[in-house]
């Protein structure tokens, strides 16, 4: 009985540790000046067989990738739509029973922003969902803080 309990405890801890440490998508952030504006770049590296979903994902499907500016930064506003770079794959998903747009291996999301003169740091997050064809991880937020170069 004691060894059965020990085995159960070991398996439980292993599962929890794996779930907490498994990150099939990693992110790098940077900001570039473009004229009077700035562009935030969120670069995703995606482990196979995982996929990352496009921002332009139909309702009823997976959570699309989005880039958000923290609401406490009133002196910053988005300018234009989120731009996606990478090899976009459009195909039918049996998991969601609809056509989805997704990325494999890597993707870059670009958002142009306007800032006031008093802003020196931009804070925000990327929200995304990733699936491997059999299961999906819950939507995740990854925070970023970027310093502006004037």
N, C-alpha and C. Protein backbone atom coordinates (compact mmCIF):
# COMPACT_ATOMS: atom_id res chain seq x y z
N UNK A 1 0.82 -1.19 0.00
CA UNK A 1 0.00 0.00 0.00
C UNK A 1 0.87 1.26 0.00
N UNK A 2 1.94 1.20 0.80
CA UNK A 2 2.83 2.34 0.89
C UNK A 2 3.54 2.60 -0.44
N UNK A 3 3.97 1.54 -1.12
CA UNK A 3 4.65 1.71 -2.41
C UNK A 3 3.66 2.21 -3.48
N UNK A 4 2.41 1.78 -3.39
CA UNK A 4 1.39 2.27 -4.33
C UNK A 4 1.17 3.77 -4.13
N UNK A 5 1.12 4.22 -2.89
CA UNK A 5 0.98 5.64 -2.60
C UNK A 5 2.19 6.42 -3.11
N UNK A 6 3.39 5.88 -2.91
CA UNK A 6 4.61 6.54 -3.39
C UNK A 6 4.60 6.67 -4.90
N UNK A 7 4.17 5.62 -5.59
CA UNK A 7 4.09 5.66 -7.06
C UNK A 7 3.08 6.72 -7.51
N UNK A 8 1.93 6.76 -6.87
CA UNK A 8 0.91 7.75 -7.20
C UNK A 8 1.45 9.17 -6.96
N UNK A 9 2.12 9.39 -5.85
CA UNK A 9 2.69 10.70 -5.54
C UNK A 9 3.74 11.10 -6.58
N UNK A 10 4.61 10.19 -6.96
CA UNK A 10 5.65 10.47 -7.95
C UNK A 10 5.02 10.84 -9.30
N UNK A 11 4.03 10.07 -9.74
CA UNK A 11 3.38 10.36 -11.02
C UNK A 11 2.65 11.70 -10.98
N UNK A 12 2.03 12.02 -9.87
CA UNK A 12 1.33 13.30 -9.75
C UNK A 12 2.30 14.47 -9.83
N UNK A 13 3.41 14.37 -9.11
CA UNK A 13 4.41 15.44 -9.13
C UNK A 13 5.04 15.56 -10.51
N UNK A 14 5.32 14.45 -11.17
CA UNK A 14 5.90 14.47 -12.51
C UNK A 14 4.97 15.14 -13.50
N UNK A 15 3.69 14.83 -13.43
CA UNK A 15 2.70 15.42 -14.33
C UNK A 15 2.59 16.92 -14.10
N UNK A 16 2.53 17.33 -12.85
CA UNK A 16 2.43 18.75 -12.53
C UNK A 16 3.68 19.49 -12.99
N UNK A 17 4.86 18.94 -12.74
CA UNK A 17 6.11 19.56 -13.16
C UNK A 17 6.17 19.68 -14.67
N UNK A 18 5.80 18.62 -15.39
CA UNK A 18 5.82 18.67 -16.86
C UNK A 18 4.87 19.73 -17.37
N UNK A 19 3.68 19.79 -16.81
CA UNK A 19 2.67 20.76 -17.27
C UNK A 19 3.15 22.19 -17.03
N UNK A 20 3.84 22.44 -15.91
CA UNK A 20 4.31 23.78 -15.61
C UNK A 20 5.52 24.18 -16.44
N UNK A 21 6.39 23.23 -16.79
CA UNK A 21 7.63 23.57 -17.48
C UNK A 21 7.51 23.47 -18.99
N UNK A 22 6.47 22.86 -19.50
CA UNK A 22 6.34 22.65 -20.94
C UNK A 22 5.87 23.94 -21.61
N UNK A 23 6.76 24.55 -22.38
CA UNK A 23 6.44 25.79 -23.09
C UNK A 23 6.75 25.59 -24.56
N UNK A 24 5.77 25.14 -25.34
CA UNK A 24 6.04 24.87 -26.75
C UNK A 24 6.21 26.14 -27.59
N UNK A 25 5.87 27.32 -27.04
CA UNK A 25 6.06 28.58 -27.75
C UNK A 25 6.86 29.51 -26.85
N UNK A 26 7.97 30.05 -27.40
CA UNK A 26 8.76 31.04 -26.68
C UNK A 26 8.72 32.35 -27.46
N UNK A 27 8.86 33.45 -26.74
CA UNK A 27 8.67 34.78 -27.33
C UNK A 27 9.87 35.67 -27.09
N UNK A 28 10.18 36.50 -28.10
CA UNK A 28 11.15 37.59 -28.00
C UNK A 28 10.43 38.86 -28.46
N UNK A 29 10.73 39.96 -27.78
CA UNK A 29 10.07 41.23 -28.08
C UNK A 29 11.12 42.29 -28.38
N UNK A 30 10.77 43.19 -29.31
CA UNK A 30 11.61 44.36 -29.56
C UNK A 30 10.73 45.49 -30.06
N UNK A 31 11.30 46.68 -30.05
CA UNK A 31 10.56 47.84 -30.56
C UNK A 31 11.47 48.61 -31.51
N UNK A 32 10.89 49.07 -32.60
CA UNK A 32 11.64 49.81 -33.61
C UNK A 32 10.95 51.15 -33.85
N UNK A 33 11.77 52.17 -34.07
CA UNK A 33 11.23 53.49 -34.38
C UNK A 33 10.98 53.57 -35.88
N UNK A 34 9.82 54.12 -36.25
CA UNK A 34 9.48 54.32 -37.66
C UNK A 34 8.87 55.72 -37.79
N UNK A 35 9.69 56.67 -38.21
CA UNK A 35 9.24 58.06 -38.26
C UNK A 35 8.91 58.55 -36.88
N UNK A 36 7.69 59.05 -36.70
CA UNK A 36 7.24 59.52 -35.38
C UNK A 36 6.63 58.39 -34.54
N UNK A 37 6.40 57.25 -35.15
CA UNK A 37 5.75 56.12 -34.48
C UNK A 37 6.76 55.04 -34.12
N UNK A 38 6.25 53.98 -33.49
CA UNK A 38 7.06 52.81 -33.14
C UNK A 38 6.33 51.56 -33.60
N UNK A 39 7.09 50.49 -33.79
CA UNK A 39 6.51 49.19 -34.12
C UNK A 39 6.98 48.19 -33.08
N UNK A 40 6.02 47.53 -32.45
CA UNK A 40 6.32 46.44 -31.52
C UNK A 40 6.39 45.16 -32.34
N UNK A 41 7.46 44.39 -32.14
CA UNK A 41 7.61 43.09 -32.80
C UNK A 41 7.59 42.01 -31.73
N UNK A 42 6.69 41.06 -31.89
CA UNK A 42 6.60 39.90 -31.00
C UNK A 42 6.93 38.68 -31.85
N UNK A 43 8.09 38.07 -31.57
CA UNK A 43 8.57 36.96 -32.39
C UNK A 43 8.39 35.65 -31.63
N UNK A 44 7.67 34.72 -32.26
CA UNK A 44 7.37 33.43 -31.64
C UNK A 44 8.21 32.32 -32.28
N UNK A 45 8.78 31.48 -31.44
CA UNK A 45 9.43 30.24 -31.87
C UNK A 45 8.53 29.11 -31.39
N UNK A 46 8.11 28.25 -32.33
CA UNK A 46 7.10 27.24 -32.04
C UNK A 46 7.71 25.85 -32.22
N UNK A 47 7.68 25.04 -31.16
CA UNK A 47 8.19 23.67 -31.24
C UNK A 47 7.24 22.80 -32.04
N UNK A 48 7.80 21.88 -32.82
CA UNK A 48 6.96 20.91 -33.53
C UNK A 48 6.45 19.89 -32.53
N UNK A 49 5.26 19.41 -32.61
CA UNK A 49 4.24 19.57 -33.64
C UNK A 49 3.23 20.69 -33.32
N UNK A 50 3.57 21.58 -32.40
CA UNK A 50 2.66 22.62 -31.95
C UNK A 50 2.44 23.66 -33.03
N UNK A 51 1.28 24.34 -32.96
CA UNK A 51 0.95 25.44 -33.87
C UNK A 51 0.47 26.63 -33.05
N UNK A 52 0.58 27.80 -33.67
CA UNK A 52 0.14 29.05 -33.08
C UNK A 52 -0.89 29.64 -34.02
N UNK A 53 -1.99 30.12 -33.50
CA UNK A 53 -3.11 30.55 -34.34
C UNK A 53 -3.03 32.03 -34.69
N UNK A 54 -3.49 32.34 -35.88
CA UNK A 54 -3.54 33.70 -36.40
C UNK A 54 -4.49 34.54 -35.57
N UNK A 55 -4.22 35.83 -35.52
CA UNK A 55 -5.14 36.79 -34.90
C UNK A 55 -6.49 36.74 -35.61
N UNK A 56 -6.44 36.50 -36.91
CA UNK A 56 -7.64 36.51 -37.74
C UNK A 56 -8.25 35.10 -37.78
N UNK A 57 -8.68 34.64 -36.61
CA UNK A 57 -9.25 33.30 -36.44
C UNK A 57 -10.77 33.42 -36.31
N UNK A 58 -11.52 32.55 -36.98
CA UNK A 58 -12.98 32.66 -36.91
C UNK A 58 -13.53 32.35 -35.52
N UNK A 59 -14.68 32.96 -35.22
CA UNK A 59 -15.35 32.72 -33.95
C UNK A 59 -15.73 31.25 -33.84
N UNK A 60 -15.61 30.70 -32.66
CA UNK A 60 -15.92 29.29 -32.44
C UNK A 60 -14.70 28.40 -32.58
N UNK A 61 -13.58 28.98 -32.96
CA UNK A 61 -12.34 28.23 -33.12
C UNK A 61 -11.40 28.49 -31.97
N UNK A 62 -10.12 28.26 -32.19
CA UNK A 62 -9.12 28.51 -31.15
C UNK A 62 -8.98 30.01 -30.88
N UNK A 63 -8.33 30.34 -29.78
CA UNK A 63 -8.05 31.73 -29.45
C UNK A 63 -6.92 32.20 -30.36
N UNK A 64 -7.17 33.27 -31.10
CA UNK A 64 -6.14 33.82 -31.97
C UNK A 64 -5.11 34.61 -31.18
N UNK A 65 -3.93 34.75 -31.75
CA UNK A 65 -2.85 35.49 -31.10
C UNK A 65 -3.15 36.99 -31.17
N UNK A 66 -3.02 37.68 -30.04
CA UNK A 66 -3.24 39.13 -30.02
C UNK A 66 -2.12 39.80 -29.26
N UNK A 67 -1.91 41.07 -29.56
CA UNK A 67 -0.91 41.88 -28.88
C UNK A 67 -1.63 43.06 -28.25
N UNK A 68 -1.51 43.19 -26.94
CA UNK A 68 -2.25 44.22 -26.20
C UNK A 68 -1.30 45.15 -25.47
N UNK A 69 -1.69 46.43 -25.39
CA UNK A 69 -0.98 47.42 -24.59
C UNK A 69 -1.71 47.51 -23.26
N UNK A 70 -0.99 47.56 -22.14
CA UNK A 70 -1.65 47.66 -20.84
C UNK A 70 -2.53 48.89 -20.78
N UNK A 71 -3.70 48.73 -20.20
CA UNK A 71 -4.71 49.79 -20.19
C UNK A 71 -4.30 51.01 -19.37
N UNK A 72 -3.31 50.88 -18.50
CA UNK A 72 -2.89 52.01 -17.69
C UNK A 72 -1.95 52.95 -18.46
N UNK A 73 -1.71 52.67 -19.73
CA UNK A 73 -0.84 53.52 -20.54
C UNK A 73 -1.69 54.30 -21.54
N UNK A 74 -2.35 55.36 -21.05
CA UNK A 74 -3.24 56.17 -21.87
C UNK A 74 -2.51 56.95 -22.96
N UNK A 75 -1.22 57.16 -22.80
CA UNK A 75 -0.46 57.96 -23.76
C UNK A 75 0.04 57.14 -24.94
N UNK A 76 -0.45 55.90 -25.05
CA UNK A 76 -0.06 55.01 -26.14
C UNK A 76 -1.32 54.50 -26.82
N UNK A 77 -1.32 54.52 -28.15
CA UNK A 77 -2.47 53.98 -28.87
C UNK A 77 -1.99 53.16 -30.07
N UNK A 78 -2.75 52.12 -30.39
CA UNK A 78 -2.45 51.31 -31.56
C UNK A 78 -2.76 52.12 -32.81
N UNK A 79 -1.99 51.87 -33.84
CA UNK A 79 -2.19 52.55 -35.11
C UNK A 79 -2.23 51.49 -36.21
N UNK A 80 -3.40 51.23 -36.74
CA UNK A 80 -3.52 50.20 -37.77
C UNK A 80 -3.75 48.82 -37.19
N UNK A 81 -3.86 47.86 -38.09
CA UNK A 81 -4.13 46.47 -37.70
C UNK A 81 -2.85 45.72 -37.35
N UNK A 82 -3.00 44.64 -36.61
CA UNK A 82 -1.90 43.74 -36.30
C UNK A 82 -1.45 43.06 -37.59
N UNK A 83 -0.15 43.10 -37.86
CA UNK A 83 0.41 42.48 -39.07
C UNK A 83 1.11 41.19 -38.66
N UNK A 84 0.88 40.14 -39.43
CA UNK A 84 1.49 38.83 -39.16
C UNK A 84 2.50 38.51 -40.26
N UNK A 85 3.67 38.04 -39.85
CA UNK A 85 4.68 37.56 -40.80
C UNK A 85 5.01 36.12 -40.45
N UNK A 86 5.18 35.33 -41.48
CA UNK A 86 5.49 33.92 -41.31
C UNK A 86 4.71 33.13 -42.34
N UNK A 87 4.97 31.85 -42.40
CA UNK A 87 4.26 31.00 -43.35
C UNK A 87 2.90 30.63 -42.76
N UNK A 88 1.87 31.32 -43.25
CA UNK A 88 0.51 31.11 -42.76
C UNK A 88 -0.09 29.88 -43.44
N UNK A 89 -0.59 28.96 -42.63
CA UNK A 89 -1.21 27.73 -43.13
C UNK A 89 -2.70 27.83 -42.89
N UNK A 90 -3.48 27.69 -43.95
CA UNK A 90 -4.94 27.70 -43.83
C UNK A 90 -5.44 26.30 -44.15
N UNK A 91 -6.11 25.68 -43.17
CA UNK A 91 -6.62 24.33 -43.39
C UNK A 91 -7.75 24.04 -42.42
N UNK A 92 -8.46 22.97 -42.71
CA UNK A 92 -9.57 22.56 -41.86
C UNK A 92 -9.03 21.89 -40.60
N UNK A 93 -9.59 22.25 -39.46
CA UNK A 93 -9.21 21.65 -38.18
C UNK A 93 -10.32 20.71 -37.73
N UNK A 94 -9.99 19.43 -37.56
CA UNK A 94 -10.96 18.48 -37.02
C UNK A 94 -11.26 18.77 -35.55
N UNK A 95 -10.27 19.33 -34.83
CA UNK A 95 -10.47 19.65 -33.41
C UNK A 95 -11.57 20.68 -33.23
N UNK A 96 -11.63 21.67 -34.14
CA UNK A 96 -12.59 22.76 -34.02
C UNK A 96 -13.71 22.69 -35.06
N UNK A 97 -13.58 21.76 -35.99
CA UNK A 97 -14.54 21.56 -37.08
C UNK A 97 -14.80 22.85 -37.85
N UNK A 98 -13.71 23.54 -38.19
CA UNK A 98 -13.79 24.71 -39.06
C UNK A 98 -12.41 24.99 -39.64
N UNK A 99 -12.36 25.88 -40.62
CA UNK A 99 -11.10 26.25 -41.24
C UNK A 99 -10.39 27.25 -40.33
N UNK A 100 -9.09 27.01 -40.10
CA UNK A 100 -8.29 27.89 -39.24
C UNK A 100 -7.03 28.31 -39.98
N UNK A 101 -6.45 29.41 -39.51
CA UNK A 101 -5.17 29.91 -40.01
C UNK A 101 -4.17 29.80 -38.87
N UNK A 102 -3.01 29.21 -39.16
CA UNK A 102 -2.05 28.95 -38.09
C UNK A 102 -0.63 29.03 -38.62
N UNK A 103 0.31 29.06 -37.68
CA UNK A 103 1.73 29.11 -37.98
C UNK A 103 2.42 27.91 -37.35
N UNK A 104 3.45 27.42 -38.03
CA UNK A 104 4.33 26.40 -37.48
C UNK A 104 5.75 26.98 -37.45
N UNK A 105 6.54 26.51 -36.54
CA UNK A 105 7.96 26.86 -36.37
C UNK A 105 8.21 28.29 -35.92
N UNK A 106 7.69 29.30 -36.66
CA UNK A 106 7.93 30.68 -36.24
C UNK A 106 6.90 31.62 -36.84
N UNK A 107 6.73 32.74 -36.15
CA UNK A 107 5.82 33.79 -36.62
C UNK A 107 6.23 35.09 -35.93
N UNK A 108 5.96 36.19 -36.62
CA UNK A 108 6.21 37.51 -36.03
C UNK A 108 4.93 38.33 -36.15
N UNK A 109 4.58 38.99 -35.06
CA UNK A 109 3.40 39.84 -35.01
C UNK A 109 3.88 41.27 -34.80
N UNK A 110 3.39 42.19 -35.65
CA UNK A 110 3.84 43.58 -35.61
C UNK A 110 2.65 44.50 -35.36
N UNK A 111 2.84 45.42 -34.41
CA UNK A 111 1.80 46.39 -34.12
C UNK A 111 2.42 47.79 -34.08
N UNK A 112 1.93 48.68 -34.95
CA UNK A 112 2.38 50.07 -34.93
C UNK A 112 1.64 50.79 -33.81
N UNK A 113 2.39 51.65 -33.09
CA UNK A 113 1.80 52.42 -32.00
C UNK A 113 2.21 53.88 -32.12
N UNK A 114 1.37 54.74 -31.57
CA UNK A 114 1.66 56.17 -31.43
C UNK A 114 1.85 56.42 -29.94
N UNK A 115 2.87 57.22 -29.61
CA UNK A 115 3.15 57.52 -28.20
C UNK A 115 3.32 59.02 -28.01
N UNK A 116 2.99 59.48 -26.81
CA UNK A 116 3.22 60.89 -26.50
C UNK A 116 4.69 61.07 -26.10
N UNK A 117 5.13 62.32 -26.05
CA UNK A 117 6.53 62.61 -25.74
C UNK A 117 6.94 62.17 -24.34
N UNK A 118 5.98 62.07 -23.43
CA UNK A 118 6.33 61.74 -22.05
C UNK A 118 6.52 60.23 -21.82
N UNK A 119 6.22 59.40 -22.79
CA UNK A 119 6.33 57.95 -22.63
C UNK A 119 7.77 57.49 -22.91
N UNK A 120 8.31 56.68 -22.00
CA UNK A 120 9.64 56.12 -22.21
C UNK A 120 9.65 54.59 -22.20
N UNK A 121 8.54 54.00 -21.74
CA UNK A 121 8.44 52.54 -21.64
C UNK A 121 7.05 52.11 -22.11
N UNK A 122 7.00 51.01 -22.84
CA UNK A 122 5.73 50.43 -23.29
C UNK A 122 5.58 49.07 -22.62
N UNK A 123 4.44 48.88 -21.95
CA UNK A 123 4.12 47.60 -21.29
C UNK A 123 2.91 46.98 -21.97
N UNK A 124 2.93 45.68 -22.09
CA UNK A 124 1.79 44.99 -22.66
C UNK A 124 1.96 43.50 -22.54
N UNK A 125 1.19 42.78 -23.36
CA UNK A 125 1.28 41.33 -23.35
C UNK A 125 0.79 40.76 -24.68
N UNK A 126 1.25 39.56 -24.95
CA UNK A 126 0.74 38.76 -26.07
C UNK A 126 -0.12 37.67 -25.47
N UNK A 127 -1.31 37.49 -26.02
CA UNK A 127 -2.20 36.40 -25.61
C UNK A 127 -2.25 35.41 -26.76
N UNK A 128 -2.08 34.12 -26.47
CA UNK A 128 -2.07 33.12 -27.52
C UNK A 128 -2.54 31.77 -26.99
N UNK A 129 -2.85 30.90 -27.92
CA UNK A 129 -3.24 29.52 -27.63
C UNK A 129 -2.45 28.64 -28.58
N UNK A 130 -2.02 27.49 -28.11
CA UNK A 130 -1.27 26.57 -28.95
C UNK A 130 -1.83 25.16 -28.81
N UNK A 131 -1.83 24.43 -29.93
CA UNK A 131 -2.34 23.06 -29.96
C UNK A 131 -1.36 22.19 -30.73
N UNK A 132 -1.42 20.89 -30.48
CA UNK A 132 -0.53 19.96 -31.19
C UNK A 132 -1.28 18.94 -32.05
N UNK A 133 -2.55 19.18 -32.31
CA UNK A 133 -3.35 18.26 -33.11
C UNK A 133 -4.15 17.27 -32.26
N UNK A 134 -3.73 17.08 -31.01
CA UNK A 134 -4.44 16.18 -30.09
C UNK A 134 -4.98 16.92 -28.88
N UNK A 135 -4.25 17.95 -28.48
CA UNK A 135 -4.65 18.71 -27.29
C UNK A 135 -4.23 20.16 -27.46
N UNK A 136 -4.85 21.01 -26.68
CA UNK A 136 -4.54 22.43 -26.68
C UNK A 136 -4.18 22.85 -25.26
N UNK A 137 -3.25 23.77 -25.15
CA UNK A 137 -2.95 24.37 -23.86
C UNK A 137 -3.87 25.57 -23.69
N UNK A 138 -4.21 25.92 -22.45
CA UNK A 138 -5.10 27.06 -22.24
C UNK A 138 -4.47 28.35 -22.75
N UNK A 139 -5.29 29.34 -23.09
CA UNK A 139 -4.73 30.63 -23.52
C UNK A 139 -3.76 31.17 -22.47
N UNK A 140 -2.67 31.75 -22.95
CA UNK A 140 -1.59 32.21 -22.09
C UNK A 140 -1.25 33.66 -22.42
N UNK A 141 -0.94 34.45 -21.40
CA UNK A 141 -0.46 35.81 -21.58
C UNK A 141 1.04 35.86 -21.28
N UNK A 142 1.80 36.49 -22.16
CA UNK A 142 3.23 36.70 -21.95
C UNK A 142 3.45 38.22 -21.92
N UNK A 143 3.92 38.72 -20.78
CA UNK A 143 4.14 40.15 -20.60
C UNK A 143 5.42 40.62 -21.29
N UNK A 144 5.42 41.89 -21.70
CA UNK A 144 6.64 42.51 -22.20
C UNK A 144 6.74 43.94 -21.68
N UNK A 145 7.97 44.41 -21.56
CA UNK A 145 8.28 45.79 -21.22
C UNK A 145 9.38 46.21 -22.18
N UNK A 146 9.13 47.27 -22.93
CA UNK A 146 10.08 47.75 -23.94
C UNK A 146 10.40 49.22 -23.69
N UNK A 147 11.69 49.55 -23.73
CA UNK A 147 12.13 50.94 -23.56
C UNK A 147 12.20 51.60 -24.92
N UNK A 148 11.70 52.83 -25.00
CA UNK A 148 11.73 53.59 -26.24
C UNK A 148 13.06 54.31 -26.37
N UNK A 149 13.60 54.28 -27.58
CA UNK A 149 14.82 55.02 -27.89
C UNK A 149 14.40 56.24 -28.69
N UNK A 150 14.69 57.40 -28.18
CA UNK A 150 14.26 58.66 -28.83
C UNK A 150 15.37 59.24 -29.66
